[in-house]
Amino acid sequence: MPRQYRRIYVPVDNSGYSFAAIDIAVDLATKFDAVLVGSHVFAPGTTESYLDLMEECCRTASVKFERHALGGRQHKMILEDIRNDQYDLVIMGALGAGAVDESQIGSVADRVIRGATTDILIVKDLIPDPDGRILVAVDGSEASLQALGAAVEFARSTGHTAEGIVVGQGRLSGRASAALESARAAAAAEGAELSITVTEGKPFDRILKHCREKRPWLLVVGKTGADMEESDDMGSLGSALGSTTDNLLRMVPCNILVTPCAQTAGERGTDPAVVATAAPALQAARRTLKWAADAERLLADVPADQRVEVVRTVEEGARKMGITVITAETIDKVMLGYIDS
């Protein structure tokens, strides 16, 4: 299902990066038909002039605007505001008004990225190339496939071309091969074709080099990667930040969109009772891998009381085969192997 960016949250201050964030937010709001919510955490003696500027920009572009005036510690109030509303995207500058020389990312942006559980676009390039591409890094993890879905939706709505990059040791052997297959299957499930560069080496080093050479309009990455998903408790990943993403946030010259792992409707703020009433059987059959549309259609034909066991069996078999996107073909392979055994 295409990602929906209908409510976009933009914390602002009096910095150049904040002004750039407003420009990008207004432009994206016109393309996504989204509402912009501007917020400012006030210090004693400050005014709402920052929000006045954003409101005027929205009025000029015919974009719906809401203002949130907050008081307290910046990152705490921003995170609280994000958690209290159903925002689809947060856009903020990498550095704030209090940035010091040689800073790569401000403490407020860093803490918000770690603490939030929604997509966050960090503005680093004050003059991005309007013809630049959207680059998405894929390693086969759930978060990276979420990133791919976001990249496809951004490309579809903005007109920028999306392309992927897979980094691994031994090029197409092992994990890199599985990640490439996952990326292609996930793109196909989104109804998109994606040009994918496969290279070997350390992910941070290769992605950074690619960004410096190609200067994309936007880099899209998962908040965590395959290594963390394999070694850490999945329940703690909401506030975790992978080392590759952490380093890219500081070093890449382009704007960067960070996507978390998929969350349940309850975590997103939707009333769980509403979801359970609408689709109780599918709610119960919780996924840990991405399921393509054709696989979901097959699952819908399974009796409700058997779906949890089918999902578990299919995902267990898919992992053994190195598959991270479940398609109808995957279900056939797993279930035939299960019957033969």
C-alpha atoms as a PDB file:
ATOM      1  CA  MET A   1       0.000   0.000   0.000  1.00  0.00           C
ATOM      2  CA  PRO A   2       1.421   3.434  -0.907  1.00  0.00           C
ATOM      3  CA  ARG A   3       2.565   5.537   2.020  1.00  0.00           C
ATOM      4  CA  GLN A   4       0.350   8.483   2.846  1.00  0.00           C
ATOM      5  CA  TYR A   5       1.883  11.800   3.869  1.00  0.00           C
ATOM      6  CA  ARG A   6      -1.178  13.815   4.860  1.00  0.00           C
ATOM      7  CA  ARG A   7       0.043  15.529   8.050  1.00  0.00           C
ATOM      8  CA  ILE A   8       3.538  16.978   8.093  1.00  0.00           C
ATOM      9  CA  TYR A   9       5.154  18.385  11.235  1.00  0.00           C
ATOM     10  CA  VAL A  10       7.823  21.105  10.972  1.00  0.00           C
ATOM     11  CA  PRO A  11       9.675  22.415  14.076  1.00  0.00           C
ATOM     12  CA  VAL A  12      11.141  25.861  13.250  1.00  0.00           C
ATOM     13  CA  ASP A  13      13.577  28.403  14.682  1.00  0.00           C
ATOM     14  CA  ASN A  14      15.548  31.318  13.251  1.00  0.00           C
ATOM     15  CA  SER A  15      18.212  29.292  11.422  1.00  0.00           C
ATOM     16  CA  GLY A  16      19.002  28.926   7.737  1.00  0.00           C
ATOM     17  CA  TYR A  17      18.289  25.198   7.936  1.00  0.00           C
ATOM     18  CA  SER A  18      14.876  25.924   9.428  1.00  0.00           C
ATOM     19  CA  PHE A  19      14.031  28.282   6.566  1.00  0.00           C
ATOM     20  CA  ALA A  20      15.132  25.583   4.100  1.00  0.00           C
ATOM     21  CA  ALA A  21      12.947  23.056   5.941  1.00  0.00           C
ATOM     22  CA  ILE A  22       9.951  25.371   5.545  1.00  0.00           C
ATOM     23  CA  ASP A  23      10.605  25.691   1.794  1.00  0.00           C
ATOM     24  CA  ILE A  24      10.820  21.906   1.346  1.00  0.00           C
ATOM     25  CA  ALA A  25       7.776  21.295   3.560  1.00  0.00           C
ATOM     26  CA  VAL A  26       5.587  23.749   1.638  1.00  0.00           C
ATOM     27  CA  ASP A  27       6.683  22.248  -1.684  1.00  0.00           C
ATOM     28  CA  LEU A  28       5.993  18.687  -0.500  1.00  0.00           C
ATOM     29  CA  ALA A  29       2.647  19.683   1.008  1.00  0.00           C
ATOM     30  CA  THR A  30       1.472  20.918  -2.383  1.00  0.00           C
ATOM     31  CA  LYS A  31       2.464  17.584  -3.941  1.00  0.00           C
ATOM     32  CA  PHE A  32       1.090  15.346  -1.179  1.00  0.00           C
ATOM     33  CA  ASP A  33      -1.997  17.526  -0.583  1.00  0.00           C
ATOM     34  CA  ALA A  34      -0.913  17.624   3.059  1.00  0.00           C
ATOM     35  CA  VAL A  35      -1.574  19.807   6.080  1.00  0.00           C
ATOM     36  CA  LEU A  36       1.507  21.489   7.557  1.00  0.00           C
ATOM     37  CA  VAL A  37       1.827  21.863  11.318  1.00  0.00           C
ATOM     38  CA  GLY A  38       4.495  24.365  12.346  1.00  0.00           C
ATOM     39  CA  SER A  39       5.823  24.354  15.896  1.00  0.00           C
ATOM     40  CA  HIS A  40       8.215  26.531  17.831  1.00  0.00           C
ATOM     41  CA  VAL A  41       9.497  26.015  21.369  1.00  0.00           C
ATOM     42  CA  PHE A  42       9.666  29.470  22.870  1.00  0.00           C
ATOM     43  CA  ALA A  43      12.383  30.799  25.110  1.00  0.00           C
ATOM     44  CA  PRO A  44      11.640  33.789  27.366  1.00  0.00           C
ATOM     45  CA  GLY A  45      11.440  36.988  25.342  1.00  0.00           C
ATOM     46  CA  THR A  46      10.868  35.351  21.946  1.00  0.00           C
ATOM     47  CA  THR A  47       7.798  35.822  19.733  1.00  0.00           C
ATOM     48  CA  GLU A  48       5.742  33.830  17.249  1.00  0.00           C
ATOM     49  CA  SER A  49       7.369  35.556  14.273  1.00  0.00           C
ATOM     50  CA  TYR A  50       8.942  32.272  13.111  1.00  0.00           C
ATOM     51  CA  LEU A  51       5.503  30.705  12.813  1.00  0.00           C
ATOM     52  CA  ASP A  52       4.155  33.881  11.172  1.00  0.00           C
ATOM     53  CA  LEU A  53       6.713  33.428   8.389  1.00  0.00           C
ATOM     54  CA  MET A  54       5.735  29.795   7.843  1.00  0.00           C
ATOM     55  CA  GLU A  55       2.039  30.663   7.884  1.00  0.00           C
ATOM     56  CA  GLU A  56       2.590  33.306   5.204  1.00  0.00           C
ATOM     57  CA  CYS A  57       4.500  30.813   3.036  1.00  0.00           C
ATOM     58  CA  CYS A  58       1.611  28.345   3.382  1.00  0.00           C
ATOM     59  CA  ARG A  59      -0.970  31.005   2.577  1.00  0.00           C
ATOM     60  CA  THR A  60       0.912  31.961  -0.586  1.00  0.00           C
ATOM     61  CA  ALA A  61       1.051  28.302  -1.709  1.00  0.00           C
ATOM     62  CA  SER A  62      -2.580  27.576  -0.667  1.00  0.00           C
ATOM     63  CA  VAL A  63      -1.415  24.984   1.875  1.00  0.00           C
ATOM     64  CA  LYS A  64      -3.441  24.288   5.036  1.00  0.00           C
ATOM     65  CA  PHE A  65      -1.512  25.365   8.125  1.00  0.00           C
ATOM     66  CA  GLU A  66      -1.718  24.823  11.883  1.00  0.00           C
ATOM     67  CA  ARG A  67       0.543  26.402  14.498  1.00  0.00           C
ATOM     68  CA  HIS A  68       1.750  24.892  17.756  1.00  0.00           C
ATOM     69  CA  ALA A  69       3.425  27.215  20.264  1.00  0.00           C
ATOM     70  CA  LEU A  70       5.272  25.233  22.923  1.00  0.00           C
ATOM     71  CA  GLY A  71       7.201  26.012  26.072  1.00  0.00           C
ATOM     72  CA  GLY A  72       9.943  23.902  27.664  1.00  0.00           C
ATOM     73  CA  ARG A  73      13.040  22.006  26.572  1.00  0.00           C
ATOM     74  CA  GLN A  74      13.159  21.819  22.804  1.00  0.00           C
ATOM     75  CA  HIS A  75      13.625  18.134  22.066  1.00  0.00           C
ATOM     76  CA  LYS A  76      11.280  17.014  24.867  1.00  0.00           C
ATOM     77  CA  MET A  77       8.460  19.304  23.763  1.00  0.00           C
ATOM     78  CA  ILE A  78       8.892  18.384  20.080  1.00  0.00           C
ATOM     79  CA  LEU A  79       8.848  14.656  20.849  1.00  0.00           C
ATOM     80  CA  GLU A  80       5.813  15.061  23.100  1.00  0.00           C
ATOM     81  CA  ASP A  81       4.009  16.988  20.361  1.00  0.00           C
ATOM     82  CA  ILE A  82       4.871  14.292  17.807  1.00  0.00           C
ATOM     83  CA  ARG A  83       3.619  11.528  20.094  1.00  0.00           C
ATOM     84  CA  ASN A  84       0.356  13.346  20.798  1.00  0.00           C
ATOM     85  CA  ASP A  85      -0.657  13.623  17.156  1.00  0.00           C
ATOM     86  CA  GLN A  86      -0.786  11.383  14.089  1.00  0.00           C
ATOM     87  CA  TYR A  87       1.958  12.869  11.945  1.00  0.00           C
ATOM     88  CA  ASP A  88       3.050  11.015   8.836  1.00  0.00           C
ATOM     89  CA  LEU A  89       6.285  12.955   8.349  1.00  0.00           C
ATOM     90  CA  VAL A  90       8.545  15.284  10.334  1.00  0.00           C
ATOM     91  CA  ILE A  91      10.755  17.792   8.494  1.00  0.00           C
ATOM     92  CA  MET A  92      13.441  19.696  10.390  1.00  0.00           C
ATOM     93  CA  GLY A  93      16.835  21.272   9.869  1.00  0.00           C
ATOM     94  CA  ALA A  94      20.010  19.371  10.706  1.00  0.00           C
ATOM     95  CA  LEU A  95      21.272  22.355  12.681  1.00  0.00           C
ATOM     96  CA  GLY A  96      19.470  24.975  14.719  1.00  0.00           C
ATOM     97  CA  ALA A  97      20.051  28.599  15.607  1.00  0.00           C
ATOM     98  CA  GLY A  98      22.502  27.608  18.347  1.00  0.00           C
ATOM     99  CA  ALA A  99      24.797  25.539  16.114  1.00  0.00           C
ATOM    100  CA  VAL A 100      28.550  25.894  16.604  1.00  0.00           C
ATOM    101  CA  ASP A 101      31.237  25.810  13.912  1.00  0.00           C
ATOM    102  CA  GLU A 102      31.988  22.345  12.481  1.00  0.00           C
ATOM    103  CA  SER A 103      28.703  20.910  13.785  1.00  0.00           C
ATOM    104  CA  GLN A 104      27.314  18.130  11.605  1.00  0.00           C
ATOM    105  CA  ILE A 105      23.949  17.599  13.268  1.00  0.00           C
ATOM    106  CA  GLY A 106      22.367  19.458  16.161  1.00  0.00           C
ATOM    107  CA  SER A 107      21.485  17.890  19.489  1.00  0.00           C
ATOM    108  CA  VAL A 108      17.761  18.589  19.042  1.00  0.00           C
ATOM    109  CA  ALA A 109      17.591  16.911  15.622  1.00  0.00           C
ATOM    110  CA  ASP A 110      19.664  13.981  16.910  1.00  0.00           C
ATOM    111  CA  ARG A 111      17.380  13.402  19.903  1.00  0.00           C
ATOM    112  CA  VAL A 112      14.197  13.751  17.868  1.00  0.00           C
ATOM    113  CA  ILE A 113      15.436  11.180  15.324  1.00  0.00           C
ATOM    114  CA  ARG A 114      16.232   8.706  18.087  1.00  0.00           C
ATOM    115  CA  GLY A 115      13.007   9.276  20.004  1.00  0.00           C
ATOM    116  CA  ALA A 116      10.389   9.541  17.247  1.00  0.00           C
ATOM    117  CA  THR A 117       8.668   6.609  15.549  1.00  0.00           C
ATOM    118  CA  THR A 118       7.639   8.289  12.314  1.00  0.00           C
ATOM    119  CA  ASP A 119       9.447   9.201   9.088  1.00  0.00           C
ATOM    120  CA  ILE A 120      11.836  12.134   9.593  1.00  0.00           C
ATOM    121  CA  LEU A 121      13.372  14.231   6.811  1.00  0.00           C
ATOM    122  CA  ILE A 122      16.515  16.038   7.945  1.00  0.00           C
ATOM    123  CA  VAL A 123      17.432  19.071   5.835  1.00  0.00           C
ATOM    124  CA  LYS A 124      21.194  19.269   5.268  1.00  0.00           C
ATOM    125  CA  ASP A 125      21.467  20.737   1.777  1.00  0.00           C
ATOM    126  CA  LEU A 126      20.468  24.408   1.710  1.00  0.00           C
ATOM    127  CA  ILE A 127      20.478  24.464  -2.110  1.00  0.00           C
ATOM    128  CA  PRO A 128      19.499  20.943  -3.268  1.00  0.00           C
ATOM    129  CA  ASP A 129      19.719  20.037  -6.954  1.00  0.00           C
ATOM    130  CA  PRO A 130      16.129  20.294  -8.290  1.00  0.00           C
ATOM    131  CA  ASP A 131      16.973  17.583 -10.837  1.00  0.00           C
ATOM    132  CA  GLY A 132      18.736  15.316  -8.334  1.00  0.00           C
ATOM    133  CA  ARG A 133      17.613  11.740  -7.791  1.00  0.00           C
ATOM    134  CA  ILE A 134      16.223   9.930  -4.775  1.00  0.00           C
ATOM    135  CA  LEU A 135      18.641   7.280  -3.523  1.00  0.00           C
ATOM    136  CA  VAL A 136      17.429   4.510  -1.213  1.00  0.00           C
ATOM    137  CA  ALA A 137      19.788   2.157   0.618  1.00  0.00           C
ATOM    138  CA  VAL A 138      18.495  -1.420   0.944  1.00  0.00           C
ATOM    139  CA  ASP A 139      19.984  -4.267   2.984  1.00  0.00           C
ATOM    140  CA  GLY A 140      16.937  -6.533   3.107  1.00  0.00           C
ATOM    141  CA  SER A 141      15.879  -5.442   6.609  1.00  0.00           C
ATOM    142  CA  GLU A 142      12.279  -4.448   7.338  1.00  0.00           C
ATOM    143  CA  ALA A 143      13.324  -0.832   7.981  1.00  0.00           C
ATOM    144  CA  SER A 144      15.152  -0.638   4.633  1.00  0.00           C
ATOM    145  CA  LEU A 145      12.094  -1.991   2.805  1.00  0.00           C
ATOM    146  CA  GLN A 146      10.011   0.647   4.551  1.00  0.00           C
ATOM    147  CA  ALA A 147      12.581   3.145   3.255  1.00  0.00           C
ATOM    148  CA  LEU A 148      12.148   1.784  -0.260  1.00  0.00           C
ATOM    149  CA  GLY A 149       8.381   2.274  -0.027  1.00  0.00           C
ATOM    150  CA  ALA A 150       8.904   5.860   1.114  1.00  0.00           C
ATOM    151  CA  ALA A 151      11.365   6.521  -1.721  1.00  0.00           C
ATOM    152  CA  VAL A 152       8.866   5.208  -4.280  1.00  0.00           C
ATOM    153  CA  GLU A 153       6.101   7.426  -2.898  1.00  0.00           C
ATOM    154  CA  PHE A 154       8.368  10.500  -2.870  1.00  0.00           C
ATOM    155  CA  ALA A 155       9.420   9.780  -6.454  1.00  0.00           C
ATOM    156  CA  ARG A 156       5.838   9.213  -7.576  1.00  0.00           C
ATOM    157  CA  SER A 157       4.625  12.482  -6.014  1.00  0.00           C
ATOM    158  CA  THR A 158       7.578  14.786  -6.697  1.00  0.00           C
ATOM    159  CA  GLY A 159       8.695  13.643 -10.155  1.00  0.00           C
ATOM    160  CA  HIS A 160      12.226  12.812  -8.997  1.00  0.00           C
ATOM    161  CA  THR A 161      13.709   9.518 -10.207  1.00  0.00           C
ATOM    162  CA  ALA A 162      14.311   6.909  -7.501  1.00  0.00           C
ATOM    163  CA  GLU A 163      17.210   4.464  -7.559  1.00  0.00           C
ATOM    164  CA  GLY A 164      18.549   1.944  -5.082  1.00  0.00           C
ATOM    165  CA  ILE A 165      21.920   0.911  -3.718  1.00  0.00           C
ATOM    166  CA  VAL A 166      22.790  -2.462  -2.167  1.00  0.00           C
ATOM    167  CA  VAL A 167      26.132  -2.860  -0.419  1.00  0.00           C
ATOM    168  CA  GLY A 168      27.629  -6.193   0.609  1.00  0.00           C
ATOM    169  CA  GLN A 169      30.777  -8.227   0.803  1.00  0.00           C
ATOM    170  CA  GLY A 170      31.286 -10.399  -2.253  1.00  0.00           C
ATOM    171  CA  ARG A 171      28.852  -8.396  -4.418  1.00  0.00           C
ATOM    172  CA  LEU A 172      25.978 -10.759  -5.267  1.00  0.00           C
ATOM    173  CA  SER A 173      26.810 -13.495  -2.781  1.00  0.00           C
ATOM    174  CA  GLY A 174      25.000 -14.124   0.495  1.00  0.00           C
ATOM    175  CA  ARG A 175      23.115 -11.256   2.063  1.00  0.00           C
ATOM    176  CA  ALA A 176      23.668  -8.813  -0.813  1.00  0.00           C
ATOM    177  CA  SER A 177      21.974 -11.233  -3.206  1.00  0.00           C
ATOM    178  CA  ALA A 178      18.994 -11.638  -0.865  1.00  0.00           C
ATOM    179  CA  ALA A 179      18.809  -7.862  -0.368  1.00  0.00           C
ATOM    180  CA  LEU A 180      18.789  -7.302  -4.123  1.00  0.00           C
ATOM    181  CA  GLU A 181      15.970  -9.820  -4.569  1.00  0.00           C
ATOM    182  CA  SER A 182      14.043  -8.181  -1.712  1.00  0.00           C
ATOM    183  CA  ALA A 183      14.492  -4.715  -3.203  1.00  0.00           C
ATOM    184  CA  ARG A 184      13.231  -5.803  -6.611  1.00  0.00           C
ATOM    185  CA  ALA A 185      10.238  -7.653  -5.123  1.00  0.00           C
ATOM    186  CA  ALA A 186       9.357  -4.720  -2.846  1.00  0.00           C
ATOM    187  CA  ALA A 187       9.569  -2.250  -5.727  1.00  0.00           C
ATOM    188  CA  ALA A 188       7.359  -4.493  -7.859  1.00  0.00           C
ATOM    189  CA  ALA A 189       4.844  -4.710  -4.999  1.00  0.00           C
ATOM    190  CA  GLU A 190       4.743  -0.890  -5.019  1.00  0.00           C
ATOM    191  CA  GLY A 191       4.147  -0.918  -8.781  1.00  0.00           C
ATOM    192  CA  ALA A 192       7.552   0.613  -9.538  1.00  0.00           C
ATOM    193  CA  GLU A 193      10.700  -0.291 -11.420  1.00  0.00           C
ATOM    194  CA  LEU A 194      13.922   0.591  -9.645  1.00  0.00           C
ATOM    195  CA  SER A 195      17.447   0.863 -11.004  1.00  0.00           C
ATOM    196  CA  ILE A 196      19.721  -0.676  -8.352  1.00  0.00           C
ATOM    197  CA  THR A 197      23.470  -0.260  -7.965  1.00  0.00           C
ATOM    198  CA  VAL A 198      25.207  -3.222  -6.311  1.00  0.00           C
ATOM    199  CA  THR A 199      28.622  -2.606  -4.793  1.00  0.00           C
ATOM    200  CA  GLU A 200      30.814  -4.173  -2.115  1.00  0.00           C
ATOM    201  CA  GLY A 201      32.521  -2.771   0.919  1.00  0.00           C
ATOM    202  CA  LYS A 202      31.403  -1.143   4.157  1.00  0.00           C
ATOM    203  CA  PRO A 203      27.838   0.218   3.789  1.00  0.00           C
ATOM    204  CA  PHE A 204      28.548   3.604   5.367  1.00  0.00           C
ATOM    205  CA  ASP A 205      31.658   4.177   3.255  1.00  0.00           C
ATOM    206  CA  ARG A 206      30.087   3.112  -0.059  1.00  0.00           C
ATOM    207  CA  ILE A 207      26.804   4.995   0.442  1.00  0.00           C
ATOM    208  CA  LEU A 208      28.640   8.146   1.531  1.00  0.00           C
ATOM    209  CA  LYS A 209      30.939   7.969  -1.483  1.00  0.00           C
ATOM    210  CA  HIS A 210      27.949   7.475  -3.802  1.00  0.00           C
ATOM    211  CA  CYS A 211      26.189  10.505  -2.288  1.00  0.00           C
ATOM    212  CA  ARG A 212      29.273  12.690  -2.630  1.00  0.00           C
ATOM    213  CA  GLU A 213      29.749  11.690  -6.255  1.00  0.00           C
ATOM    214  CA  LYS A 214      26.096  11.771  -7.400  1.00  0.00           C
ATOM    215  CA  ARG A 215      24.712  14.414  -4.996  1.00  0.00           C
ATOM    216  CA  PRO A 216      21.139  13.049  -4.832  1.00  0.00           C
ATOM    217  CA  TRP A 217      18.203  15.295  -3.986  1.00  0.00           C
ATOM    218  CA  LEU A 218      17.352  12.917  -1.145  1.00  0.00           C
ATOM    219  CA  LEU A 219      18.877   9.859   0.530  1.00  0.00           C
ATOM    220  CA  VAL A 220      16.367   7.468   2.133  1.00  0.00           C
ATOM    221  CA  VAL A 221      17.550   4.996   4.790  1.00  0.00           C
ATOM    222  CA  GLY A 222      16.040   2.773   7.452  1.00  0.00           C
ATOM    223  CA  LYS A 223      16.481   3.786  11.074  1.00  0.00           C
ATOM    224  CA  THR A 224      18.086   0.405  11.740  1.00  0.00           C
ATOM    225  CA  GLY A 225      19.638  -2.269   9.545  1.00  0.00           C
ATOM    226  CA  ALA A 226      19.749  -6.035   9.165  1.00  0.00           C
ATOM    227  CA  ASP A 227      22.528  -6.508  11.739  1.00  0.00           C
ATOM    228  CA  MET A 228      20.563  -4.761  14.473  1.00  0.00           C
ATOM    229  CA  GLU A 229      17.329  -6.588  13.622  1.00  0.00           C
ATOM    230  CA  GLU A 230      19.145  -9.918  13.922  1.00  0.00           C
ATOM    231  CA  SER A 231      20.958  -9.134  17.181  1.00  0.00           C
ATOM    232  CA  ASP A 232      18.625  -6.862  19.152  1.00  0.00           C
ATOM    233  CA  ASP A 233      15.241  -7.182  20.761  1.00  0.00           C
ATOM    234  CA  MET A 234      12.725  -6.044  18.127  1.00  0.00           C
ATOM    235  CA  GLY A 235      10.634  -4.413  20.830  1.00  0.00           C
ATOM    236  CA  SER A 236      13.418  -1.920  21.559  1.00  0.00           C
ATOM    237  CA  LEU A 237      14.037  -0.854  17.972  1.00  0.00           C
ATOM    238  CA  GLY A 238      11.640   2.110  18.117  1.00  0.00           C
ATOM    239  CA  SER A 239      14.282   4.253  19.844  1.00  0.00           C
ATOM    240  CA  ALA A 240      17.363   2.543  18.358  1.00  0.00           C
ATOM    241  CA  LEU A 241      19.505   4.066  15.622  1.00  0.00           C
ATOM    242  CA  GLY A 242      21.808   1.907  13.536  1.00  0.00           C
ATOM    243  CA  SER A 243      25.462   2.896  13.280  1.00  0.00           C
ATOM    244  CA  THR A 244      25.373   3.242   9.474  1.00  0.00           C
ATOM    245  CA  THR A 245      22.362   5.583   9.611  1.00  0.00           C
ATOM    246  CA  ASP A 246      23.891   7.479  12.537  1.00  0.00           C
ATOM    247  CA  ASN A 247      27.095   8.128  10.580  1.00  0.00           C
ATOM    248  CA  LEU A 248      25.276   8.998   7.347  1.00  0.00           C
ATOM    249  CA  LEU A 249      23.164  11.575   9.191  1.00  0.00           C
ATOM    250  CA  ARG A 250      26.352  13.386  10.091  1.00  0.00           C
ATOM    251  CA  MET A 251      28.373  13.021   6.938  1.00  0.00           C
ATOM    252  CA  VAL A 252      26.190  12.996   3.806  1.00  0.00           C
ATOM    253  CA  PRO A 253      25.944  16.346   1.967  1.00  0.00           C
ATOM    254  CA  CYS A 254      22.324  15.795   0.884  1.00  0.00           C
ATOM    255  CA  ASN A 255      18.955  15.802   2.622  1.00  0.00           C
ATOM    256  CA  ILE A 256      18.171  12.487   4.306  1.00  0.00           C
ATOM    257  CA  LEU A 257      14.895  10.726   5.113  1.00  0.00           C
ATOM    258  CA  VAL A 258      14.986   8.195   7.959  1.00  0.00           C
ATOM    259  CA  THR A 259      12.198   5.603   8.203  1.00  0.00           C
ATOM    260  CA  PRO A 260      11.521   3.354  11.205  1.00  0.00           C
ATOM    261  CA  CYS A 261      10.366  -0.256  11.119  1.00  0.00           C
ATOM    262  CA  ALA A 262       6.670  -0.786  10.476  1.00  0.00           C
ATOM    263  CA  GLN A 263       4.534  -0.137  13.559  1.00  0.00           C
ATOM    264  CA  THR A 264       1.177  -1.410  14.583  1.00  0.00           C
ATOM    265  CA  ALA A 265      -1.790   0.891  14.325  1.00  0.00           C
ATOM    266  CA  GLY A 266      -1.773   1.256  18.101  1.00  0.00           C
ATOM    267  CA  GLU A 267       1.808   2.550  18.033  1.00  0.00           C
ATOM    268  CA  ARG A 268       0.873   5.030  15.298  1.00  0.00           C
ATOM    269  CA  GLY A 269      -1.923   6.400  17.465  1.00  0.00           C
ATOM    270  CA  THR A 270      -4.907   4.684  15.832  1.00  0.00           C
ATOM    271  CA  ASP A 271      -7.478   3.218  18.192  1.00  0.00           C
ATOM    272  CA  PRO A 272      -6.646  -0.537  18.278  1.00  0.00           C
ATOM    273  CA  ALA A 273     -10.329  -1.382  18.763  1.00  0.00           C
ATOM    274  CA  VAL A 274     -11.163   0.252  15.448  1.00  0.00           C
ATOM    275  CA  VAL A 275      -8.521  -1.796  13.652  1.00  0.00           C
ATOM    276  CA  ALA A 276      -9.575  -5.014  15.350  1.00  0.00           C
ATOM    277  CA  THR A 277     -13.192  -4.424  14.366  1.00  0.00           C
ATOM    278  CA  ALA A 278     -12.263  -3.710  10.737  1.00  0.00           C
ATOM    279  CA  ALA A 279      -9.948  -6.708  10.238  1.00  0.00           C
ATOM    280  CA  PRO A 280      -9.667  -8.946  13.300  1.00  0.00           C
ATOM    281  CA  ALA A 281      -8.087 -11.928  11.558  1.00  0.00           C
ATOM    282  CA  LEU A 282      -5.391  -9.957   9.745  1.00  0.00           C
ATOM    283  CA  GLN A 283      -4.663  -7.946  12.905  1.00  0.00           C
ATOM    284  CA  ALA A 284      -4.024 -11.186  14.796  1.00  0.00           C
ATOM    285  CA  ALA A 285      -1.713 -12.610  12.118  1.00  0.00           C
ATOM    286  CA  ARG A 286       1.147 -10.244  12.851  1.00  0.00           C
ATOM    287  CA  ARG A 287       3.842  -9.956  10.173  1.00  0.00           C
ATOM    288  CA  THR A 288       7.565  -9.587  10.807  1.00  0.00           C
ATOM    289  CA  LEU A 289       8.422  -9.557   7.077  1.00  0.00           C
ATOM    290  CA  LYS A 290       6.997  -7.519   4.215  1.00  0.00           C
ATOM    291  CA  TRP A 291       4.105  -9.197   2.348  1.00  0.00           C
ATOM    292  CA  ALA A 292       3.407  -8.298  -1.282  1.00  0.00           C
ATOM    293  CA  ALA A 293      -0.166  -7.702  -2.455  1.00  0.00           C
ATOM    294  CA  ASP A 294      -0.440 -11.089  -4.205  1.00  0.00           C
ATOM    295  CA  ALA A 295       0.625 -12.867  -1.000  1.00  0.00           C
ATOM    296  CA  GLU A 296      -1.929 -10.925   1.053  1.00  0.00           C
ATOM    297  CA  ARG A 297      -4.658 -12.020  -1.361  1.00  0.00           C
ATOM    298  CA  LEU A 298      -3.707 -15.674  -0.887  1.00  0.00           C
ATOM    299  CA  LEU A 299      -3.644 -15.248   2.893  1.00  0.00           C
ATOM    300  CA  ALA A 300      -7.134 -13.737   2.819  1.00  0.00           C
ATOM    301  CA  ASP A 301      -8.416 -17.080   1.468  1.00  0.00           C
ATOM    302  CA  VAL A 302      -7.018 -18.972   4.472  1.00  0.00           C
ATOM    303  CA  PRO A 303      -9.569 -19.680   7.249  1.00  0.00           C
ATOM    304  CA  ALA A 304      -9.281 -17.020   9.949  1.00  0.00           C
ATOM    305  CA  ASP A 305      -8.373 -19.477  12.709  1.00  0.00           C
ATOM    306  CA  GLN A 306      -5.405 -20.792  10.656  1.00  0.00           C
ATOM    307  CA  ARG A 307      -3.837 -17.524   9.501  1.00  0.00           C
ATOM    308  CA  VAL A 308      -1.509 -16.994  12.464  1.00  0.00           C
ATOM    309  CA  GLU A 309       0.051 -20.439  11.959  1.00  0.00           C
ATOM    310  CA  VAL A 310       0.309 -19.947   8.178  1.00  0.00           C
ATOM    311  CA  VAL A 311       2.055 -16.596   8.596  1.00  0.00           C
ATOM    312  CA  ARG A 312       4.491 -18.120  11.099  1.00  0.00           C
ATOM    313  CA  THR A 313       5.245 -21.105   8.844  1.00  0.00           C
ATOM    314  CA  VAL A 314       5.690 -19.044   5.677  1.00  0.00           C
ATOM    315  CA  GLU A 315       7.943 -16.450   7.327  1.00  0.00           C
ATOM    316  CA  GLU A 316      10.046 -19.138   9.013  1.00  0.00           C
ATOM    317  CA  GLY A 317      10.532 -20.906   5.682  1.00  0.00           C
ATOM    318  CA  ALA A 318      11.252 -17.637   3.863  1.00  0.00           C
ATOM    319  CA  ARG A 319      14.019 -16.759   6.315  1.00  0.00           C
ATOM    320  CA  LYS A 320      15.667 -20.125   5.766  1.00  0.00           C
ATOM    321  CA  MET A 321      15.733 -19.348   2.026  1.00  0.00           C
ATOM    322  CA  GLY A 322      17.075 -15.821   2.583  1.00  0.00           C
ATOM    323  CA  ILE A 323      13.814 -14.195   1.417  1.00  0.00           C
ATOM    324  CA  THR A 324      12.627 -11.010   3.147  1.00  0.00           C
ATOM    325  CA  VAL A 325       9.606 -10.102   0.978  1.00  0.00           C
ATOM    326  CA  ILE A 326       6.780 -12.654   0.916  1.00  0.00           C
ATOM    327  CA  THR A 327       5.176 -13.097  -2.508  1.00  0.00           C
ATOM    328  CA  ALA A 328       2.656 -15.657  -3.784  1.00  0.00           C
ATOM    329  CA  GLU A 329       5.598 -17.595  -5.239  1.00  0.00           C
ATOM    330  CA  THR A 330       7.279 -17.615  -1.806  1.00  0.00           C
ATOM    331  CA  ILE A 331       4.149 -19.112  -0.225  1.00  0.00           C
ATOM    332  CA  ASP A 332       4.069 -21.829  -2.877  1.00  0.00           C
ATOM    333  CA  LYS A 333       7.743 -22.683  -2.316  1.00  0.00           C
ATOM    334  CA  VAL A 334       7.425 -22.815   1.459  1.00  0.00           C
ATOM    335  CA  MET A 335       4.172 -24.739   1.614  1.00  0.00           C
ATOM    336  CA  LEU A 336       5.262 -27.287  -1.022  1.00  0.00           C
ATOM    337  CA  GLY A 337       8.474 -27.863   0.909  1.00  0.00           C
ATOM    338  CA  TYR A 338       6.470 -28.215   4.125  1.00  0.00           C
ATOM    339  CA  ILE A 339       4.146 -30.805   2.553  1.00  0.00           C
ATOM    340  CA  ASP A 340       7.060 -32.780   1.034  1.00  0.00           C
ATOM    341  CA  SER A 341       8.796 -32.939   4.408  1.00  0.00           C
END
